[in-house]
Protein backbone atom coordinates (compact mmCIF):
# COMPACT_ATOMS: atom_id res chain seq x y z
CA MET A 1 21.23 29.59 -7.26
CA SER A 2 19.19 31.93 -5.08
CA LYS A 3 18.46 31.03 -1.47
CA LEU A 4 15.16 31.01 0.36
CA SER A 5 14.71 33.84 2.77
CA ASP A 6 14.27 33.12 6.46
CA ALA A 7 10.65 34.31 6.15
CA VAL A 8 9.89 31.81 3.37
CA LYS A 9 11.55 28.95 5.25
CA ALA A 10 9.71 29.87 8.43
CA LEU A 11 6.36 29.86 6.64
CA ILE A 12 7.07 26.49 4.97
CA ASN A 13 7.96 24.97 8.33
CA ALA A 14 5.24 26.69 10.37
CA SER A 15 3.53 24.32 12.78
CA HIS A 16 0.06 25.03 11.38
CA ALA A 17 1.20 23.70 7.98
CA ALA A 18 2.19 20.33 9.53
CA PRO A 19 5.32 20.07 7.35
CA GLY A 20 6.80 16.93 8.92
CA ILE A 21 5.99 13.27 9.15
CA THR A 22 3.43 11.98 11.65
CA LYS A 23 5.01 10.75 14.84
CA ALA A 24 3.65 7.49 16.21
CA SER A 25 1.75 7.95 19.46
CA ALA A 26 1.79 5.55 22.39
CA GLN A 27 -1.49 4.10 21.08
CA VAL A 28 0.01 2.78 17.84
CA GLN A 29 1.69 -0.37 19.09
CA PRO A 30 -1.33 -1.55 21.14
CA ALA A 31 -3.58 -0.93 18.11
CA LEU A 32 -1.25 -2.90 15.83
CA LYS A 33 -0.99 -5.73 18.34
CA ARG A 34 -4.77 -5.88 18.66
CA PHE A 35 -5.11 -5.98 14.87
CA ALA A 36 -2.58 -8.82 14.56
CA GLU A 37 -4.17 -10.84 17.37
CA ASP A 38 -7.69 -10.34 16.05
CA ALA A 39 -6.51 -11.30 12.56
CA HIS A 40 -5.11 -14.54 13.98
CA LYS A 41 -8.47 -15.30 15.65
CA LYS A 42 -10.28 -14.65 12.38
CA GLN A 43 -7.75 -16.82 10.50
CA VAL A 44 -6.53 -13.85 8.49
CA GLY A 45 -2.88 -14.39 7.61
CA LEU A 46 0.11 -12.20 8.39
CA PRO A 47 0.53 -10.82 4.83
CA SER A 48 -2.98 -9.35 4.96
CA TRP A 49 -2.74 -7.49 8.26
CA VAL A 50 0.81 -6.39 7.51
CA SER A 51 -0.25 -5.04 4.08
CA VAL A 52 -3.30 -3.24 5.47
CA SER A 53 -1.49 -1.66 8.42
CA THR A 54 1.44 -0.65 6.22
CA ALA A 55 -0.95 1.04 3.79
CA VAL A 56 -2.58 2.96 6.64
CA SER A 57 0.85 4.02 7.93
CA ALA A 58 1.85 5.29 4.48
CA THR A 59 -1.40 7.19 4.10
CA MET A 60 -0.93 8.75 7.52
CA ASN A 61 2.69 9.62 6.65
CA CYS A 62 3.95 7.68 9.68
CA PRO A 63 7.14 5.69 9.02
CA ASP A 64 7.50 4.95 12.76
CA ALA A 65 4.35 2.84 12.50
CA MET A 66 5.87 0.93 9.58
CA THR A 67 8.87 0.06 11.71
CA SER A 68 6.55 -1.12 14.49
CA ILE A 69 4.70 -3.30 11.97
CA PHE A 70 8.00 -4.84 10.90
CA HIS A 71 9.02 -5.77 14.44
CA LEU A 72 5.55 -7.08 15.29
CA ALA A 73 5.46 -9.18 12.13
CA ASN A 74 8.81 -10.69 13.07
CA GLU A 75 7.48 -11.56 16.53
CA LYS A 76 4.45 -13.25 14.99
CA SER A 77 6.49 -15.23 12.44
CA HIS A 78 7.40 -18.84 13.12
CA ASP A 79 11.04 -18.22 12.21
CA PRO A 80 11.82 -14.53 12.88
CA ALA A 81 15.41 -14.80 11.66
CA THR A 82 14.29 -15.97 8.22
CA ALA A 83 11.03 -14.03 8.06
CA SER A 84 12.52 -10.63 8.90
CA THR A 85 13.84 -10.07 5.38
CA GLN A 86 10.58 -11.27 3.82
CA ASN A 87 8.57 -8.98 6.09
CA ALA A 88 10.77 -6.00 5.20
CA GLU A 89 10.35 -6.73 1.50
CA LEU A 90 6.59 -7.03 1.85
CA ILE A 91 6.37 -3.68 3.65
CA ARG A 92 8.55 -1.99 1.03
CA GLU A 93 6.48 -3.38 -1.84
CA VAL A 94 3.24 -2.23 -0.21
CA GLY A 95 4.75 1.20 0.41
CA LEU A 96 5.62 1.44 -3.28
CA LYS A 97 2.12 0.48 -4.40
CA CYS A 98 0.65 3.11 -2.09
CA ILE A 99 1.88 5.69 -4.62
CA SER A 100 -1.15 4.88 -6.79
CA PHE A 101 -3.53 5.90 -4.00
CA ASN A 102 -1.60 8.45 -1.92
CA GLY A 103 0.84 10.05 -4.35
CA ILE A 104 4.62 9.94 -4.42
CA PRO A 105 5.71 12.17 -1.48
CA ARG A 106 4.33 10.01 1.33
CA SER A 107 5.90 6.88 -0.07
CA ILE A 108 9.22 8.72 -0.36
CA ASN A 109 8.98 9.76 3.28
CA CYS A 110 7.94 6.39 4.63
CA LEU A 111 10.09 4.12 2.49
CA GLY A 112 13.20 6.21 3.14
CA ALA A 113 12.71 6.27 6.90
CA PHE A 114 11.70 2.61 7.00
CA TYR A 115 14.82 1.49 5.15
CA ALA A 116 16.98 3.60 7.47
CA SER A 117 15.36 1.89 10.48
CA LEU A 118 16.14 -1.67 9.33
CA PRO A 119 18.81 -3.65 11.16
CA GLU A 120 21.95 -3.87 9.05
CA ASP A 121 21.75 -7.64 8.77
CA VAL A 122 18.25 -7.34 7.28
CA ALA A 123 19.06 -4.44 4.96
CA THR A 124 22.03 -6.31 3.46
CA LYS A 125 19.84 -9.34 2.71
CA LEU A 126 17.12 -7.50 0.82
CA GLN A 127 16.79 -9.08 -2.59
CA ALA A 128 15.02 -6.14 -4.23
CA ARG A 129 18.08 -4.05 -5.12
CA ARG A 130 17.51 -3.46 -8.81
CA PRO A 131 14.41 -2.10 -10.51
CA THR A 132 11.94 -4.63 -11.85
CA ARG A 133 9.52 -2.20 -13.49
CA GLU A 134 11.78 -0.59 -16.09
CA LEU A 135 9.92 -0.27 -19.39
CA THR A 136 11.68 -1.38 -22.55
CA PRO A 137 10.61 -1.71 -26.19
CA GLN A 138 10.55 -5.46 -25.60
CA ASN A 139 8.22 -5.50 -22.57
CA ILE A 140 6.02 -2.44 -22.89
CA GLU A 141 3.13 -4.07 -24.76
CA ALA A 142 3.03 -7.01 -22.35
CA ARG A 143 3.07 -4.64 -19.40
CA LYS A 144 0.19 -2.63 -20.87
CA GLU A 145 -1.77 -5.83 -21.41
CA GLY A 146 -1.14 -6.85 -17.81
CA GLY A 147 -2.33 -3.49 -16.50
CA LEU A 148 -5.50 -3.62 -18.59
CA ALA A 149 -6.16 -7.16 -17.38
CA LEU A 150 -5.88 -6.01 -13.76
CA TRP A 151 -8.19 -3.06 -14.47
CA ASP A 152 -10.73 -5.39 -16.08
CA SER A 153 -10.51 -7.73 -13.08
CA VAL A 154 -11.17 -4.95 -10.56
CA TYR A 155 -13.92 -3.20 -12.53
CA THR A 156 -15.59 -6.11 -14.33
CA GLY A 157 -19.03 -5.07 -15.55
CA PHE A 158 -18.07 -1.39 -15.72
CA GLU A 159 -14.51 -1.54 -17.03
CA ARG A 160 -15.04 0.11 -20.44
CA LYS A 161 -17.80 2.47 -19.30
CA LEU A 162 -15.53 3.73 -16.53
CA LEU A 163 -12.64 4.31 -18.92
CA ALA A 164 -14.96 6.28 -21.22
CA LYS A 165 -16.21 8.36 -18.29
CA LEU A 166 -12.65 9.10 -17.16
CA GLY A 167 -11.75 10.05 -20.72
CA ARG A 168 -14.52 12.63 -20.79
CA SER A 169 -13.05 14.23 -17.68
CA HIS A 170 -9.68 14.44 -19.44
CA PRO A 171 -8.55 12.31 -22.39
CA ASP A 172 -5.24 11.51 -20.72
CA LEU A 173 -6.75 10.54 -17.37
CA PRO A 174 -7.46 6.89 -18.30
CA VAL A 175 -4.16 6.76 -20.19
CA HIS A 176 -2.19 7.74 -17.10
CA ILE A 177 -4.21 5.55 -14.74
CA LEU A 178 -3.75 2.48 -16.93
CA ASN A 179 -0.17 2.98 -18.12
CA GLY A 180 1.30 4.84 -15.17
CA HIS A 181 -0.35 2.87 -12.38
CA TYR A 182 -2.13 -0.33 -13.33
CA SER A 183 0.42 -1.41 -15.93
CA ASN A 184 3.64 -0.28 -14.32
CA LEU A 185 2.94 -0.39 -10.59
CA LEU A 186 -0.19 -2.21 -9.44
CA ALA A 187 0.20 -5.13 -11.84
CA ASN A 188 3.32 -7.03 -10.86
CA PRO A 189 6.12 -7.50 -13.38
CA PRO A 190 6.50 -11.13 -14.47
CA ARG A 191 9.16 -13.01 -12.53
CA ASP A 192 11.00 -14.16 -15.61
CA ALA A 193 14.41 -15.77 -16.02
CA VAL A 194 16.17 -12.41 -15.95
CA LEU A 195 14.69 -11.51 -12.57
CA ALA A 196 15.37 -15.00 -11.24
CA ASP A 197 19.01 -14.53 -12.17
CA ARG A 198 19.11 -11.16 -10.41
CA TYR A 199 17.50 -12.23 -7.18
CA GLY A 200 18.36 -15.89 -6.90
CA LYS A 201 15.89 -18.69 -6.35
CA GLU A 202 13.57 -16.71 -4.09
CA ASN A 203 11.47 -13.94 -5.60
CA VAL A 204 11.12 -10.51 -4.10
CA ALA A 205 7.90 -9.92 -2.19
CA VAL A 206 4.85 -10.09 -4.41
CA VAL A 207 1.77 -8.07 -3.50
CA GLY A 208 -0.68 -9.96 -5.67
CA ARG A 209 -4.24 -9.46 -6.78
CA VAL A 210 -5.89 -9.82 -3.34
CA LEU A 211 -3.29 -7.92 -1.32
CA THR A 212 -3.34 -5.09 -3.88
CA SER A 213 -7.08 -4.69 -3.33
CA LEU A 214 -6.56 -4.69 0.44
CA VAL A 215 -3.91 -1.98 0.08
CA ALA A 216 -6.28 0.11 -2.03
CA ILE A 217 -9.12 -0.22 0.49
CA ALA A 218 -6.86 0.66 3.43
CA CYS A 219 -5.30 3.70 1.76
CA LEU A 220 -8.58 5.12 0.53
CA ARG A 221 -10.44 4.54 3.78
CA ALA A 222 -7.66 6.18 5.80
CA GLN A 223 -7.42 9.03 3.33
CA THR A 224 -11.12 9.95 3.72
CA GLY A 225 -13.17 11.90 1.20
CA VAL A 226 -13.15 9.16 -1.43
CA GLY A 227 -16.04 6.90 -0.47
CA PRO A 228 -16.95 5.93 -4.06
CA GLN A 229 -13.42 4.65 -4.60
CA VAL A 230 -13.56 2.63 -1.37
CA VAL A 231 -16.75 1.02 -2.66
CA SER A 232 -15.10 0.25 -6.01
CA HIS A 233 -12.16 -1.52 -4.43
CA ILE A 234 -14.28 -3.47 -1.95
CA PHE A 235 -16.15 -4.78 -4.99
CA GLY A 236 -12.77 -5.30 -6.66
CA LEU A 237 -11.72 -7.56 -3.79
CA ARG A 238 -14.91 -9.58 -4.12
CA LYS A 239 -14.46 -9.93 -7.87
CA ALA A 240 -10.99 -11.39 -7.30
CA TYR A 241 -12.71 -14.44 -5.78
CA GLU A 242 -15.91 -14.45 -7.81
CA GLN A 243 -13.95 -14.53 -11.07
CA GLY A 244 -11.18 -16.81 -9.89
CA ASP A 245 -8.40 -14.23 -10.30
CA ALA A 246 -7.32 -14.71 -6.67
CA ARG A 247 -6.33 -18.29 -7.55
CA ALA A 248 -4.93 -17.66 -11.02
CA ALA A 249 -1.52 -18.95 -12.05
CA GLY A 250 1.24 -17.09 -10.24
CA GLU A 251 -0.99 -15.91 -7.40
CA VAL A 252 -0.15 -16.88 -3.83
CA GLU A 253 -3.10 -17.94 -1.67
CA VAL A 254 -4.00 -15.24 0.85
CA GLN A 255 -5.18 -16.78 4.11
CA GLY A 256 -8.51 -15.23 5.11
CA GLY A 257 -8.79 -13.26 1.88
CA GLU A 258 -12.12 -14.73 0.83
CA TRP A 259 -13.61 -13.97 4.26
CA LEU A 260 -12.35 -10.37 4.01
CA ALA A 261 -14.29 -10.11 0.75
CA SER A 262 -17.56 -10.93 2.57
CA ASP A 263 -19.80 -8.38 4.29
CA GLU A 264 -18.62 -9.50 7.72
CA GLY A 265 -14.97 -9.41 6.66
CA SER A 266 -15.29 -6.01 5.01
CA ILE A 267 -16.83 -4.52 8.16
CA TRP A 268 -14.04 -6.01 10.26
CA LEU A 269 -11.42 -4.63 7.87
CA LEU A 270 -12.84 -1.10 7.73
CA GLU A 271 -13.25 -0.94 11.51
CA HIS A 272 -9.61 -1.93 12.07
CA VAL A 273 -8.44 0.65 9.53
CA ASP A 274 -10.43 3.27 11.46
CA ARG A 275 -8.80 2.19 14.73
CA LEU A 276 -5.33 2.43 13.23
CA VAL A 277 -6.08 5.87 11.81
CA GLU A 278 -7.26 7.03 15.22
CA ALA A 279 -4.21 5.53 16.96
CA ILE A 280 -1.74 7.12 14.55
CA GLY A 281 -3.47 10.46 14.14
CA GLY A 282 -4.69 10.85 17.70
CA ALA A 283 -8.29 10.96 18.90
CA GLY A 284 -10.27 13.37 16.79
CA GLN A 285 -7.33 14.23 14.53
CA GLY A 286 -8.16 11.81 11.74
CA THR A 287 -5.99 11.85 8.66
CA THR A 288 -3.20 14.33 7.96
CA PHE A 289 -3.89 14.16 4.23
CA ALA A 290 -5.86 17.40 3.93
CA PRO A 291 -7.05 18.63 7.33
CA GLY A 292 -7.22 22.25 6.24
CA ILE A 293 -4.73 24.97 7.13
CA LYS A 294 -5.63 27.29 9.93
CA ALA A 295 -2.90 29.76 10.70
CA LYS A 296 -2.39 30.59 14.35
CA LEU A 297 -2.85 34.28 14.96
């Protein structure tokens, strides 16, 4: 196999191309602590602020921030020794779902570095060690139905019109969105007897209907440039409560979720996402997603 020349490697790794992960600044931990404390005052539970801040960290390509979220979540838990594994599983599951909004590379970066940062006693206790989203001839139709049901829940009132519009852009666009993301990633696989046997009595972390909407909002807001999609998922969060999907069978109640779906809660949420973006990216730097490449002469 041929090798890259020094010139090619130097250009790939040039500073102006920002080839590496985002390093957490000194402002990150204070911003996270403020978010957690304010969430407590607003009666917004730990899973919500952990999911939102993890999604922002993934979007900003900052695994150091994920690790800080993990340690802060442990501090805020009533029983840190027991909660540490649950918090790690929640962060990993959110990082996986971020693929649907940020693409694969950032989740690879952040999940890999986050796992490497975990204390050994936590890493060895993680229940999610085997895939739960493998498609088989036996489950594929049920998984497709679950993905379509989630799509319908998020986009109620426009669900079929939106699919038709996407299909006009490219006939495989709605196919990939539904089957590649909603069916096999954003909609959770059923925790059936097989999975119970794999993981024991306790299930792996479940990022349900409400938390999935919060992840979407956080990723898209931090990403910038996709305002219409932010609007869609804010409405999607509201529909989770208006239609009763947030309290459907199998869903875990999300403390403060209904308030986050209100105007006041949505403003609070977006403002905290903005603060986290600023803390991670640095004042005036914004997101690293697509800042433009300006070579230094």
